[in-house]
């Protein structure tokens, strides 16, 4: 990419490609600022204020205008602009001339739920602000879910409320637009190809999928190009074949060595928007609460009676969360179900078979995962009904739908409290 020198006289206009709200301002400060810094957020808000009253396009400005308002030098403005571009908030176009011209397109920040479920932003935010601040921030965005099972929806439709009118109405055709974020070019592949022996590199070694995987691993695990080269030397075979599994494993080990733990996906509980409504005091409701509010790491650790899970089982968890993109509560139900069904063993092939089925079925909530597990269990019991020599597997209490109707007694409350204690 050619080097462009930014000058005070260079002109720019701002084009709004989205609908910007006050909530966006809050998200910018709370979620993006810890990652991109206050200068970048100030630049974004200043460009926003440059828009005209219709919030569509600004008049021509010079960069001296930005220097005056922001009290920043041109290098700081350029770095702030690039930070905005990197997180998908700004797109920049350039035209050279006697006076260079720029077009700055503004895009919306992610919503809170999108941000906390983003595979990269979520991890970077956690690393930048720490666990305590991260958990406090998540609580600020928690949604209140209300149990509506006993209520009737009496909301009227538009055709029941208004009469149609024959008139032409001009509607703002803009939609809320979020620019996709790419991690392409995080790694210098030209340097990698030049450095590695020619005999072990071929066209397939760095195809599109492998490059995407390397870029994502480099970003998430904070690996520079030289470190990637070291890792590739260990995982590439003599035919130039790149084992994705070995690459993930080696990158994970590097991260663990430098950070004393695994990426935060293992330590995330169910997203708020996929949790059950509050107020369900039945046994089933309480059990669902455990699945939803416990991280997969803590859930598995509890199954180990408080000891740290093996690296093999942690790797399996990571695969379910990152590769298959299963939700944390679904992973917890899967762990509980498989351990009961498979003689307390997490056999990788067995777990992945069920996980693949649940993924294809679109299972995203604890309740749906419990229902599909119960359905599969009934099918299994029918198959072994005529074979008396086959041991019947332990049946989780949550297979019984009747517990959805039962309020728990004081004794059961104490028993369940002990269970919940283990997961805290």
Protein backbone atom coordinates (compact mmCIF):
# COMPACT_ATOMS: atom_id res chain seq x y z
CA UNK A 1 0.00 0.00 0.00
CA UNK A 2 1.43 3.40 -0.99
CA UNK A 3 2.34 5.95 1.67
CA UNK A 4 0.09 9.02 1.68
CA UNK A 5 1.18 12.13 3.56
CA UNK A 6 -1.68 13.84 5.33
CA UNK A 7 -1.60 17.67 5.15
CA UNK A 8 -3.65 20.32 7.03
CA UNK A 9 -5.04 21.66 3.73
CA UNK A 10 -6.28 18.26 2.57
CA UNK A 11 -10.04 18.35 2.21
CA UNK A 12 -12.63 15.81 3.37
CA UNK A 13 -16.36 15.24 3.42
CA UNK A 14 -18.28 12.87 5.70
CA UNK A 15 -20.98 10.55 4.35
CA UNK A 16 -23.32 8.77 6.73
CA UNK A 17 -23.91 5.18 5.59
CA UNK A 18 -26.14 4.24 8.49
CA UNK A 19 -28.51 5.42 11.22
CA UNK A 20 -26.62 6.66 14.27
CA UNK A 21 -28.33 6.77 17.67
CA UNK A 22 -27.58 7.91 21.21
CA UNK A 23 -27.18 4.25 22.17
CA UNK A 24 -24.35 4.09 19.62
CA UNK A 25 -22.55 6.83 21.55
CA UNK A 26 -22.83 4.83 24.75
CA UNK A 27 -21.53 1.68 23.03
CA UNK A 28 -18.64 3.62 21.52
CA UNK A 29 -17.46 4.83 24.90
CA UNK A 30 -18.15 1.67 26.92
CA UNK A 31 -17.17 -1.04 24.42
CA UNK A 32 -14.95 0.45 21.72
CA UNK A 33 -12.94 3.07 23.62
CA UNK A 34 -11.00 0.50 25.72
CA UNK A 35 -9.86 -1.05 22.41
CA UNK A 36 -9.28 1.92 20.06
CA UNK A 37 -8.64 4.70 22.59
CA UNK A 38 -10.22 8.04 23.42
CA UNK A 39 -8.63 9.87 20.46
CA UNK A 40 -10.26 7.55 17.91
CA UNK A 41 -13.67 7.86 19.61
CA UNK A 42 -13.30 11.67 19.67
CA UNK A 43 -12.50 11.63 15.94
CA UNK A 44 -15.58 9.50 15.21
CA UNK A 45 -17.88 11.80 17.20
CA UNK A 46 -16.36 14.90 15.56
CA UNK A 47 -16.93 13.47 12.07
CA UNK A 48 -20.46 12.67 13.16
CA UNK A 49 -21.00 16.29 14.25
CA UNK A 50 -19.68 17.48 10.85
CA UNK A 51 -22.74 15.99 9.15
CA UNK A 52 -25.44 18.38 7.99
CA UNK A 53 -28.88 18.65 9.60
CA UNK A 54 -30.21 15.76 7.52
CA UNK A 55 -27.27 13.67 8.78
CA UNK A 56 -26.52 12.47 5.26
CA UNK A 57 -23.42 14.33 4.05
CA UNK A 58 -21.20 17.10 5.32
CA UNK A 59 -19.85 20.16 3.53
CA UNK A 60 -16.18 20.30 2.55
CA UNK A 61 -13.78 20.63 5.47
CA UNK A 62 -10.01 20.71 5.76
CA UNK A 63 -8.00 18.58 8.16
CA UNK A 64 -6.93 21.80 9.84
CA UNK A 65 -10.55 21.93 11.02
CA UNK A 66 -10.03 18.58 12.79
CA UNK A 67 -6.68 19.69 14.23
CA UNK A 68 -8.34 22.77 15.73
CA UNK A 69 -11.35 20.98 17.21
CA UNK A 70 -9.56 17.89 18.50
CA UNK A 71 -6.29 19.58 19.57
CA UNK A 72 -4.44 16.75 17.86
CA UNK A 73 -1.52 16.69 15.42
CA UNK A 74 -1.97 15.11 11.99
CA UNK A 75 -0.17 11.89 12.92
CA UNK A 76 -2.53 11.31 15.87
CA UNK A 77 -5.53 12.00 13.61
CA UNK A 78 -4.21 9.52 11.05
CA UNK A 79 -3.60 6.82 13.68
CA UNK A 80 -7.07 7.44 15.16
CA UNK A 81 -8.62 7.17 11.70
CA UNK A 82 -6.84 3.87 11.07
CA UNK A 83 -8.07 2.53 14.42
CA UNK A 84 -11.66 3.35 13.39
CA UNK A 85 -11.09 1.63 10.05
CA UNK A 86 -9.72 -1.46 11.78
CA UNK A 87 -12.86 -1.99 13.88
CA UNK A 88 -15.28 -1.34 11.03
CA UNK A 89 -16.54 2.12 12.06
CA UNK A 90 -15.03 4.07 9.16
CA UNK A 91 -14.25 3.53 5.50
CA UNK A 92 -11.82 5.93 3.81
CA UNK A 93 -11.51 6.90 0.12
CA UNK A 94 -8.68 9.02 -1.27
CA UNK A 95 -8.24 11.14 -4.42
CA UNK A 96 -4.93 12.87 -5.17
CA UNK A 97 -4.71 16.34 -6.72
CA UNK A 98 -3.31 19.80 -6.12
CA UNK A 99 -5.24 19.51 -2.87
CA UNK A 100 -5.85 15.93 -1.83
CA UNK A 101 -9.44 14.90 -1.07
CA UNK A 102 -10.84 12.28 1.30
CA UNK A 103 -14.28 10.76 1.76
CA UNK A 104 -15.03 9.35 5.21
CA UNK A 105 -17.97 6.94 5.41
CA UNK A 106 -19.38 6.40 8.91
CA UNK A 107 -20.78 3.02 9.98
CA UNK A 108 -22.66 1.98 13.10
CA UNK A 109 -20.99 0.37 16.11
CA UNK A 110 -22.12 -3.16 16.91
CA UNK A 111 -24.96 -3.52 19.38
CA UNK A 112 -23.98 -4.73 22.86
CA UNK A 113 -25.19 -8.30 22.22
CA UNK A 114 -23.34 -8.43 18.87
CA UNK A 115 -20.18 -7.06 20.50
CA UNK A 116 -20.14 -9.52 23.43
CA UNK A 117 -20.67 -12.41 21.01
CA UNK A 118 -18.05 -11.24 18.50
CA UNK A 119 -15.20 -13.80 18.36
CA UNK A 120 -12.49 -11.10 18.29
CA UNK A 121 -13.83 -7.88 19.86
CA UNK A 122 -15.07 -9.72 22.93
CA UNK A 123 -11.65 -11.25 23.61
CA UNK A 124 -9.72 -8.01 22.97
CA UNK A 125 -12.03 -6.08 25.31
CA UNK A 126 -11.54 -8.71 28.02
CA UNK A 127 -7.75 -8.54 27.66
CA UNK A 128 -7.72 -4.72 27.71
CA UNK A 129 -9.93 -4.12 30.77
CA UNK A 130 -9.54 -7.30 32.83
CA UNK A 131 -12.03 -9.81 34.20
CA UNK A 132 -13.59 -7.67 36.97
CA UNK A 133 -14.23 -4.62 34.76
CA UNK A 134 -15.44 -6.89 31.95
CA UNK A 135 -18.03 -8.60 34.16
CA UNK A 136 -19.24 -5.24 35.52
CA UNK A 137 -19.61 -3.93 31.98
CA UNK A 138 -21.59 -7.00 30.88
CA UNK A 139 -24.01 -6.51 33.78
CA UNK A 140 -24.76 -2.97 32.57
CA UNK A 141 -26.06 -4.43 29.32
CA UNK A 142 -28.04 -7.31 30.82
CA UNK A 143 -31.54 -7.50 29.44
CA UNK A 144 -34.51 -8.04 31.74
CA UNK A 145 -36.46 -11.11 30.67
CA UNK A 146 -40.01 -11.46 31.99
CA UNK A 147 -41.92 -14.75 32.07
CA UNK A 148 -44.97 -14.17 29.82
CA UNK A 149 -46.35 -17.73 29.88
CA UNK A 150 -49.46 -16.71 31.87
CA UNK A 151 -50.12 -13.56 29.81
CA UNK A 152 -52.08 -13.13 26.58
CA UNK A 153 -50.72 -10.99 23.73
CA UNK A 154 -53.48 -8.47 22.90
CA UNK A 155 -51.36 -6.10 20.79
CA UNK A 156 -53.30 -4.78 17.79
CA UNK A 157 -51.96 -4.94 14.24
CA UNK A 158 -51.55 -1.81 12.14
CA UNK A 159 -54.53 -2.68 9.94
CA UNK A 160 -56.70 -2.90 13.07
CA UNK A 161 -55.60 0.51 14.27
CA UNK A 162 -55.25 2.75 11.18
CA UNK A 163 -57.11 3.20 7.92
CA UNK A 164 -55.10 3.14 4.70
CA UNK A 165 -54.42 6.52 3.10
CA UNK A 166 -53.59 7.12 -0.56
CA UNK A 167 -50.68 9.50 -0.39
CA UNK A 168 -47.00 9.55 -1.21
CA UNK A 169 -44.75 9.56 1.80
CA UNK A 170 -41.04 10.22 1.60
CA UNK A 171 -39.27 7.80 3.91
CA UNK A 172 -35.62 7.88 4.85
CA UNK A 173 -34.37 4.83 2.99
CA UNK A 174 -31.27 4.43 5.10
CA UNK A 175 -30.87 1.32 7.20
CA UNK A 176 -28.65 0.61 10.15
CA UNK A 177 -25.46 -0.60 8.48
CA UNK A 178 -22.51 -2.34 10.09
CA UNK A 179 -19.33 -2.77 8.09
CA UNK A 180 -17.83 -6.28 8.27
CA UNK A 181 -14.50 -6.38 10.10
CA UNK A 182 -11.67 -8.22 8.41
CA UNK A 183 -8.39 -9.39 9.88
CA UNK A 184 -6.85 -9.91 6.43
CA UNK A 185 -3.19 -8.79 6.12
CA UNK A 186 -2.58 -9.13 9.86
CA UNK A 187 0.22 -11.54 8.90
CA UNK A 188 2.90 -10.89 6.25
CA UNK A 189 2.47 -13.96 4.04
CA UNK A 190 5.12 -12.76 1.57
CA UNK A 191 7.69 -12.86 4.38
CA UNK A 192 6.45 -16.29 5.49
CA UNK A 193 6.78 -17.75 1.96
CA UNK A 194 10.25 -16.23 1.50
CA UNK A 195 11.44 -17.54 4.89
CA UNK A 196 10.14 -21.11 4.79
CA UNK A 197 12.05 -23.72 2.73
CA UNK A 198 10.75 -23.82 -0.84
CA UNK A 199 10.54 -27.60 -0.68
CA UNK A 200 7.72 -27.57 1.92
CA UNK A 201 5.60 -24.73 0.51
CA UNK A 202 3.14 -25.19 -2.35
CA UNK A 203 -0.01 -23.52 -3.69
CA UNK A 204 -2.28 -25.33 -1.25
CA UNK A 205 -0.21 -24.46 1.81
CA UNK A 206 -1.59 -20.93 2.05
CA UNK A 207 -4.96 -21.15 0.36
CA UNK A 208 -7.78 -18.79 1.34
CA UNK A 209 -9.03 -20.89 4.27
CA UNK A 210 -5.56 -21.44 5.71
CA UNK A 211 -4.76 -17.74 5.45
CA UNK A 212 -8.00 -16.83 7.21
CA UNK A 213 -7.26 -19.32 9.99
CA UNK A 214 -3.69 -18.04 10.42
CA UNK A 215 -4.86 -14.41 10.50
CA UNK A 216 -7.56 -15.15 13.06
CA UNK A 217 -5.22 -17.16 15.27
CA UNK A 218 -2.57 -14.45 15.01
CA UNK A 219 -5.04 -11.81 16.09
CA UNK A 220 -6.74 -13.74 18.90
CA UNK A 221 -3.52 -15.21 20.31
CA UNK A 222 -1.40 -12.08 19.68
CA UNK A 223 1.12 -13.78 17.37
CA UNK A 224 3.38 -11.72 15.11
CA UNK A 225 4.65 -12.93 11.72
CA UNK A 226 7.96 -14.25 13.11
CA UNK A 227 6.18 -16.30 15.75
CA UNK A 228 3.80 -17.65 13.09
CA UNK A 229 6.85 -18.74 11.06
CA UNK A 230 8.23 -20.65 14.06
CA UNK A 231 4.88 -22.37 14.57
CA UNK A 232 4.54 -23.23 10.88
CA UNK A 233 7.98 -24.86 10.90
CA UNK A 234 6.66 -27.20 13.60
CA UNK A 235 3.32 -28.07 11.98
CA UNK A 236 4.09 -28.21 8.24
CA UNK A 237 5.05 -31.63 6.91
CA UNK A 238 7.49 -32.37 4.07
CA UNK A 239 4.68 -32.17 1.47
CA UNK A 240 3.59 -28.70 2.54
CA UNK A 241 0.45 -30.01 4.24
CA UNK A 242 -0.77 -27.70 7.02
CA UNK A 243 -2.56 -29.45 9.87
CA UNK A 244 -5.19 -27.03 11.12
CA UNK A 245 -5.53 -29.00 14.33
CA UNK A 246 -1.80 -28.84 15.05
CA UNK A 247 -1.75 -25.14 14.18
CA UNK A 248 -4.57 -24.41 16.65
CA UNK A 249 -2.91 -26.55 19.32
CA UNK A 250 0.48 -24.83 19.01
CA UNK A 251 -1.06 -21.34 18.95
CA UNK A 252 -3.10 -22.21 22.03
CA UNK A 253 0.00 -23.43 23.89
CA UNK A 254 1.80 -20.19 23.08
CA UNK A 255 -1.13 -18.17 24.41
CA UNK A 256 -1.32 -20.26 27.58
CA UNK A 257 2.40 -19.88 28.22
CA UNK A 258 2.26 -16.08 27.92
CA UNK A 259 -1.11 -15.43 29.55
CA UNK A 260 -1.54 -18.21 32.08
CA UNK A 261 -4.90 -19.28 30.67
CA UNK A 262 -7.06 -19.90 27.62
CA UNK A 263 -9.03 -17.39 25.53
CA UNK A 264 -12.15 -16.04 27.18
CA UNK A 265 -14.62 -18.07 25.09
CA UNK A 266 -14.23 -20.89 27.64
CA UNK A 267 -15.10 -18.46 30.42
CA UNK A 268 -18.27 -16.97 28.93
CA UNK A 269 -21.75 -17.95 30.02
CA UNK A 270 -24.90 -17.90 27.88
CA UNK A 271 -25.62 -14.55 26.13
CA UNK A 272 -28.41 -12.61 27.84
CA UNK A 273 -30.68 -12.57 24.79
CA UNK A 274 -30.72 -16.40 24.74
CA UNK A 275 -31.48 -16.86 28.44
CA UNK A 276 -34.89 -17.93 29.76
CA UNK A 277 -37.20 -15.31 31.33
CA UNK A 278 -36.74 -14.67 35.03
CA UNK A 279 -39.27 -15.93 37.57
CA UNK A 280 -39.34 -19.65 36.77
CA UNK A 281 -39.06 -21.30 40.21
CA UNK A 282 -39.69 -24.88 39.09
CA UNK A 283 -37.00 -27.54 39.35
CA UNK A 284 -36.49 -27.42 35.60
CA UNK A 285 -36.25 -23.64 35.67
CA UNK A 286 -33.55 -23.76 38.34
CA UNK A 287 -31.57 -26.38 36.41
CA UNK A 288 -31.82 -24.27 33.25
CA UNK A 289 -30.48 -21.38 35.33
CA UNK A 290 -27.38 -23.45 36.17
CA UNK A 291 -26.77 -24.29 32.51
CA UNK A 292 -27.26 -20.65 31.46
CA UNK A 293 -25.25 -18.89 34.17
CA UNK A 294 -22.26 -21.25 34.37
CA UNK A 295 -19.31 -21.03 31.99
CA UNK A 296 -18.38 -24.26 30.16
CA UNK A 297 -15.00 -24.24 31.92
CA UNK A 298 -16.58 -24.01 35.40
CA UNK A 299 -19.23 -26.58 34.49
CA UNK A 300 -16.62 -29.09 33.35
CA UNK A 301 -14.40 -28.28 36.35
CA UNK A 302 -17.32 -29.13 38.62
CA UNK A 303 -17.59 -32.52 36.92
CA UNK A 304 -13.93 -32.99 37.90
CA UNK A 305 -14.95 -32.35 41.54
CA UNK A 306 -13.20 -28.98 41.53
CA UNK A 307 -9.97 -30.12 39.86
CA UNK A 308 -8.74 -28.55 36.62
CA UNK A 309 -9.99 -30.39 33.51
CA UNK A 310 -7.45 -32.18 31.32
CA UNK A 311 -5.96 -30.34 28.33
CA UNK A 312 -7.70 -32.87 26.05
CA UNK A 313 -11.14 -32.01 27.45
CA UNK A 314 -10.39 -28.27 27.33
CA UNK A 315 -9.40 -28.65 23.69
CA UNK A 316 -12.73 -30.37 23.04
CA UNK A 317 -14.58 -27.51 24.75
CA UNK A 318 -12.70 -24.96 22.69
CA UNK A 319 -13.59 -26.82 19.49
CA UNK A 320 -17.30 -26.84 20.39
CA UNK A 321 -17.31 -23.11 21.17
CA UNK A 322 -15.00 -21.80 18.43
CA UNK A 323 -15.22 -24.23 15.51
CA UNK A 324 -18.87 -25.31 15.83
CA UNK A 325 -19.91 -22.00 17.46
CA UNK A 326 -22.24 -23.70 19.94
CA UNK A 327 -23.62 -21.45 22.68
CA UNK A 328 -22.20 -21.90 26.22
CA UNK A 329 -25.44 -23.22 27.76
CA UNK A 330 -25.81 -25.74 24.92
CA UNK A 331 -22.26 -26.95 25.55
CA UNK A 332 -23.07 -27.39 29.26
CA UNK A 333 -26.16 -29.49 28.48
CA UNK A 334 -24.10 -31.52 26.00
CA UNK A 335 -21.37 -32.19 28.59
CA UNK A 336 -23.93 -33.28 31.20
CA UNK A 337 -25.81 -35.49 28.75
CA UNK A 338 -22.73 -37.21 27.29
CA UNK A 339 -21.13 -37.91 30.68
CA UNK A 340 -24.33 -39.63 31.85
CA UNK A 341 -24.88 -41.50 28.61
CA UNK A 342 -21.25 -42.52 28.01
CA UNK A 343 -20.21 -43.91 31.41
CA UNK A 344 -18.72 -40.59 32.60
CA UNK A 345 -16.40 -40.32 29.58
CA UNK A 346 -16.08 -37.43 27.10
CA UNK A 347 -15.23 -39.40 23.98
CA UNK A 348 -14.34 -36.85 21.29
CA UNK A 349 -16.00 -38.64 18.36
CA UNK A 350 -19.17 -39.23 20.37
CA UNK A 351 -19.36 -35.60 21.56
CA UNK A 352 -18.71 -34.23 18.06
CA UNK A 353 -21.40 -36.47 16.52
CA UNK A 354 -24.06 -35.12 18.89
CA UNK A 355 -22.70 -31.57 18.65
CA UNK A 356 -22.90 -31.68 14.86
CA UNK A 357 -26.50 -32.88 15.04
CA UNK A 358 -27.45 -30.07 17.45
CA UNK A 359 -25.66 -27.48 15.31
CA UNK A 360 -27.55 -28.59 12.19
CA UNK A 361 -30.79 -28.47 14.17
CA UNK A 362 -30.06 -24.83 15.10
CA UNK A 363 -30.02 -25.47 18.88
CA UNK A 364 -29.04 -22.26 20.72
CA UNK A 365 -30.76 -22.40 24.13
CA UNK A 366 -30.46 -24.66 27.16
CA UNK A 367 -34.16 -25.51 26.98
CA UNK A 368 -33.96 -26.63 23.33
CA UNK A 369 -30.81 -28.65 24.03
CA UNK A 370 -32.51 -30.41 26.97
CA UNK A 371 -35.55 -31.19 24.81
CA UNK A 372 -33.54 -32.68 21.94
CA UNK A 373 -31.42 -34.72 24.39
CA UNK A 374 -34.57 -36.12 26.03
CA UNK A 375 -36.00 -36.98 22.61
CA UNK A 376 -32.81 -38.84 21.63
CA UNK A 377 -32.81 -40.63 24.98
CA UNK A 378 -36.34 -41.95 24.43
CA UNK A 379 -35.35 -43.18 20.98
CA UNK A 380 -32.34 -44.97 22.50
CA UNK A 381 -34.46 -46.63 25.20
CA UNK A 382 -36.87 -47.97 22.58
CA UNK A 383 -33.94 -49.54 20.71
CA UNK A 384 -32.66 -51.37 23.80
CA UNK A 385 -36.06 -52.29 25.25
CA UNK A 386 -35.82 -55.82 23.87
CA UNK A 387 -32.15 -56.29 24.80
CA UNK A 388 -32.02 -57.02 28.52
CA UNK A 389 -28.23 -57.32 28.61
CA UNK A 390 -27.70 -53.65 27.73
CA UNK A 391 -27.36 -51.35 30.69
CA UNK A 392 -29.85 -48.51 30.85
CA UNK A 393 -28.08 -45.16 31.16
CA UNK A 394 -28.57 -42.78 34.05
CA UNK A 395 -31.41 -40.42 33.24
CA UNK A 396 -30.93 -36.75 34.14
CA UNK A 397 -33.78 -35.31 36.19
CA UNK A 398 -34.26 -32.63 33.55
CA UNK A 399 -35.53 -35.24 31.07
CA UNK A 400 -38.80 -35.23 33.03
CA UNK A 401 -41.06 -32.51 31.61
CA UNK A 402 -43.33 -32.73 34.66
CA UNK A 403 -40.78 -30.87 36.75
CA UNK A 404 -41.63 -27.79 34.68
CA UNK A 405 -44.97 -27.67 36.53
CA UNK A 406 -43.64 -28.37 40.00
CA UNK A 407 -42.74 -25.65 42.47
CA UNK A 408 -39.77 -26.79 44.55
CA UNK A 409 -40.24 -27.60 48.22
CA UNK A 410 -38.06 -26.20 51.04
CA UNK A 411 -36.05 -29.44 51.14
CA UNK A 412 -35.54 -29.38 47.39
CA UNK A 413 -34.54 -25.72 47.62
CA UNK A 414 -31.74 -26.66 50.01
CA UNK A 415 -30.66 -29.53 47.78
CA UNK A 416 -30.65 -27.33 44.68
CA UNK A 417 -28.82 -24.57 46.57
CA UNK A 418 -26.00 -27.03 47.20
CA UNK A 419 -25.92 -27.88 43.48
CA UNK A 420 -25.87 -24.20 42.52
CA UNK A 421 -23.10 -23.52 45.09
CA UNK A 422 -20.82 -25.88 43.19
CA UNK A 423 -21.06 -23.74 40.10
CA UNK A 424 -20.20 -20.42 41.75
